[in-house]
Amino acid sequence: MDIINHILADTNLEINKVNKTLDIPATLINWVGGIAGALAVIYIMAGGILYLTAGGNGDQAKKGGQTIVNAFLGLIVIAISYGLAAWIIGILNS
């Protein structure tokens, strides 16, 4: 019976090593995703300021609107890539 417990203990150690090595990429993905999301929100605000301060200037209003659209597209890409990475790490952890 002690031999079985010893074998199971060794197996748990190997599983814990794999889980710990996946913590580093998961943390990195969280940091990069958070920074990218914050930058996208800043771009949305900058585009809104451009749009609101256009004052009848059609080119500036168009530039502000395009900045907002591009920032929202960036947020969508960030969300999809974050979800995909979290899904893959979840599969590897199980």
C-alpha atoms as a PDB file:
ATOM      1  CA  MET A   1       0.000   0.000   0.000  1.00  0.00           C
ATOM      2  CA  ASP A   2       2.891   2.360   0.707  1.00  0.00           C
ATOM      3  CA  ILE A   3       4.236   1.745  -2.790  1.00  0.00           C
ATOM      4  CA  ILE A   4       0.920   2.879  -4.362  1.00  0.00           C
ATOM      5  CA  ASN A   5       0.884   6.025  -2.227  1.00  0.00           C
ATOM      6  CA  HIS A   6       4.475   6.727  -3.222  1.00  0.00           C
ATOM      7  CA  ILE A   7       3.658   6.338  -6.931  1.00  0.00           C
ATOM      8  CA  LEU A   8       0.611   8.595  -6.616  1.00  0.00           C
ATOM      9  CA  ALA A   9       2.656  11.207  -4.740  1.00  0.00           C
ATOM     10  CA  ASP A  10       5.230  11.262  -7.555  1.00  0.00           C
ATOM     11  CA  THR A  11       2.467  11.677 -10.145  1.00  0.00           C
ATOM     12  CA  ASN A  12       1.028  14.653  -8.250  1.00  0.00           C
ATOM     13  CA  LEU A  13       4.443  16.275  -8.201  1.00  0.00           C
ATOM     14  CA  GLU A  14       4.691  16.044 -11.994  1.00  0.00           C
ATOM     15  CA  ILE A  15       1.195  17.493 -12.445  1.00  0.00           C
ATOM     16  CA  ASN A  16       2.047  20.369 -10.103  1.00  0.00           C
ATOM     17  CA  LYS A  17       5.181  21.131 -12.144  1.00  0.00           C
ATOM     18  CA  VAL A  18       3.105  21.413 -15.321  1.00  0.00           C
ATOM     19  CA  ASN A  19       0.542  23.682 -13.640  1.00  0.00           C
ATOM     20  CA  LYS A  20       3.280  25.942 -12.271  1.00  0.00           C
ATOM     21  CA  THR A  21       4.935  26.300 -15.688  1.00  0.00           C
ATOM     22  CA  LEU A  22       1.590  27.365 -17.175  1.00  0.00           C
ATOM     23  CA  ASP A  23       1.229  30.097 -14.536  1.00  0.00           C
ATOM     24  CA  ILE A  24       3.916  32.201 -16.218  1.00  0.00           C
ATOM     25  CA  PRO A  25       2.228  32.412 -19.656  1.00  0.00           C
ATOM     26  CA  ALA A  26      -1.162  32.955 -18.010  1.00  0.00           C
ATOM     27  CA  THR A  27       0.201  35.861 -15.965  1.00  0.00           C
ATOM     28  CA  LEU A  28       1.905  37.315 -19.033  1.00  0.00           C
ATOM     29  CA  ILE A  29      -1.307  37.066 -21.058  1.00  0.00           C
ATOM     30  CA  ASN A  30      -3.242  38.793 -18.260  1.00  0.00           C
ATOM     31  CA  TRP A  31      -0.735  41.670 -18.138  1.00  0.00           C
ATOM     32  CA  VAL A  32      -0.544  42.139 -21.901  1.00  0.00           C
ATOM     33  CA  GLY A  33      -4.325  41.903 -22.264  1.00  0.00           C
ATOM     34  CA  GLY A  34      -4.882  44.441 -19.511  1.00  0.00           C
ATOM     35  CA  ILE A  35      -2.401  46.910 -20.959  1.00  0.00           C
ATOM     36  CA  ALA A  36      -3.797  46.480 -24.490  1.00  0.00           C
ATOM     37  CA  GLY A  37      -7.354  46.941 -23.222  1.00  0.00           C
ATOM     38  CA  ALA A  38      -6.394  50.085 -21.333  1.00  0.00           C
ATOM     39  CA  LEU A  39      -4.710  51.496 -24.437  1.00  0.00           C
ATOM     40  CA  ALA A  40      -7.794  50.738 -26.518  1.00  0.00           C
ATOM     41  CA  VAL A  41      -9.977  52.606 -24.024  1.00  0.00           C
ATOM     42  CA  ILE A  42      -7.570  55.561 -24.143  1.00  0.00           C
ATOM     43  CA  TYR A  43      -7.832  55.548 -27.950  1.00  0.00           C
ATOM     44  CA  ILE A  44     -11.626  55.514 -27.709  1.00  0.00           C
ATOM     45  CA  MET A  45     -11.501  58.566 -25.450  1.00  0.00           C
ATOM     46  CA  ALA A  46      -9.009  60.315 -27.741  1.00  0.00           C
ATOM     47  CA  GLY A  47     -11.225  59.623 -30.751  1.00  0.00           C
ATOM     48  CA  GLY A  48     -14.219  60.961 -28.850  1.00  0.00           C
ATOM     49  CA  ILE A  49     -12.353  64.137 -27.989  1.00  0.00           C
ATOM     50  CA  LEU A  50     -11.338  64.559 -31.632  1.00  0.00           C
ATOM     51  CA  TYR A  51     -14.917  64.027 -32.741  1.00  0.00           C
ATOM     52  CA  LEU A  52     -16.418  66.380 -30.181  1.00  0.00           C
ATOM     53  CA  THR A  53     -13.918  69.174 -30.788  1.00  0.00           C
ATOM     54  CA  ALA A  54     -14.163  69.011 -34.574  1.00  0.00           C
ATOM     55  CA  GLY A  55     -16.226  72.216 -34.596  1.00  0.00           C
ATOM     56  CA  GLY A  56     -17.593  71.725 -38.092  1.00  0.00           C
ATOM     57  CA  ASN A  57     -14.314  70.432 -39.519  1.00  0.00           C
ATOM     58  CA  GLY A  58     -15.425  67.329 -41.429  1.00  0.00           C
ATOM     59  CA  ASP A  59     -11.942  65.849 -41.739  1.00  0.00           C
ATOM     60  CA  GLN A  60     -11.310  66.005 -37.991  1.00  0.00           C
ATOM     61  CA  ALA A  61     -14.749  64.536 -37.240  1.00  0.00           C
ATOM     62  CA  LYS A  62     -14.109  61.720 -39.706  1.00  0.00           C
ATOM     63  CA  LYS A  63     -10.679  61.074 -38.161  1.00  0.00           C
ATOM     64  CA  GLY A  64     -12.197  60.955 -34.668  1.00  0.00           C
ATOM     65  CA  GLY A  65     -14.942  58.589 -35.768  1.00  0.00           C
ATOM     66  CA  GLN A  66     -12.438  56.311 -37.507  1.00  0.00           C
ATOM     67  CA  THR A  67     -10.262  56.293 -34.375  1.00  0.00           C
ATOM     68  CA  ILE A  68     -13.249  55.170 -32.309  1.00  0.00           C
ATOM     69  CA  VAL A  69     -14.130  52.415 -34.799  1.00  0.00           C
ATOM     70  CA  ASN A  70     -10.531  51.175 -34.930  1.00  0.00           C
ATOM     71  CA  ALA A  71     -10.269  51.156 -31.137  1.00  0.00           C
ATOM     72  CA  PHE A  72     -13.475  49.109 -30.835  1.00  0.00           C
ATOM     73  CA  LEU A  73     -12.162  46.654 -33.425  1.00  0.00           C
ATOM     74  CA  GLY A  74      -8.968  46.436 -31.378  1.00  0.00           C
ATOM     75  CA  LEU A  75     -10.998  45.689 -28.241  1.00  0.00           C
ATOM     76  CA  ILE A  76     -12.796  42.895 -30.085  1.00  0.00           C
ATOM     77  CA  VAL A  77      -9.483  41.390 -31.225  1.00  0.00           C
ATOM     78  CA  ILE A  78      -8.082  41.692 -27.686  1.00  0.00           C
ATOM     79  CA  ALA A  79     -11.152  40.003 -26.176  1.00  0.00           C
ATOM     80  CA  ILE A  80     -11.094  37.146 -28.691  1.00  0.00           C
ATOM     81  CA  SER A  81      -7.362  36.534 -28.275  1.00  0.00           C
ATOM     82  CA  TYR A  82      -7.633  36.696 -24.473  1.00  0.00           C
ATOM     83  CA  GLY A  83     -10.533  34.238 -24.480  1.00  0.00           C
ATOM     84  CA  LEU A  84      -8.739  31.894 -26.861  1.00  0.00           C
ATOM     85  CA  ALA A  85      -5.535  31.975 -24.785  1.00  0.00           C
ATOM     86  CA  ALA A  86      -7.489  31.375 -21.549  1.00  0.00           C
ATOM     87  CA  TRP A  87      -9.324  28.482 -23.200  1.00  0.00           C
ATOM     88  CA  ILE A  88      -6.060  26.866 -24.382  1.00  0.00           C
ATOM     89  CA  ILE A  89      -4.405  27.283 -20.972  1.00  0.00           C
ATOM     90  CA  GLY A  90      -7.534  25.824 -19.326  1.00  0.00           C
ATOM     91  CA  ILE A  91      -7.302  22.781 -21.588  1.00  0.00           C
ATOM     92  CA  LEU A  92      -3.602  22.348 -20.827  1.00  0.00           C
ATOM     93  CA  ASN A  93      -4.214  22.657 -17.082  1.00  0.00           C
ATOM     94  CA  SER A  94      -6.837  19.901 -17.034  1.00  0.00           C
END
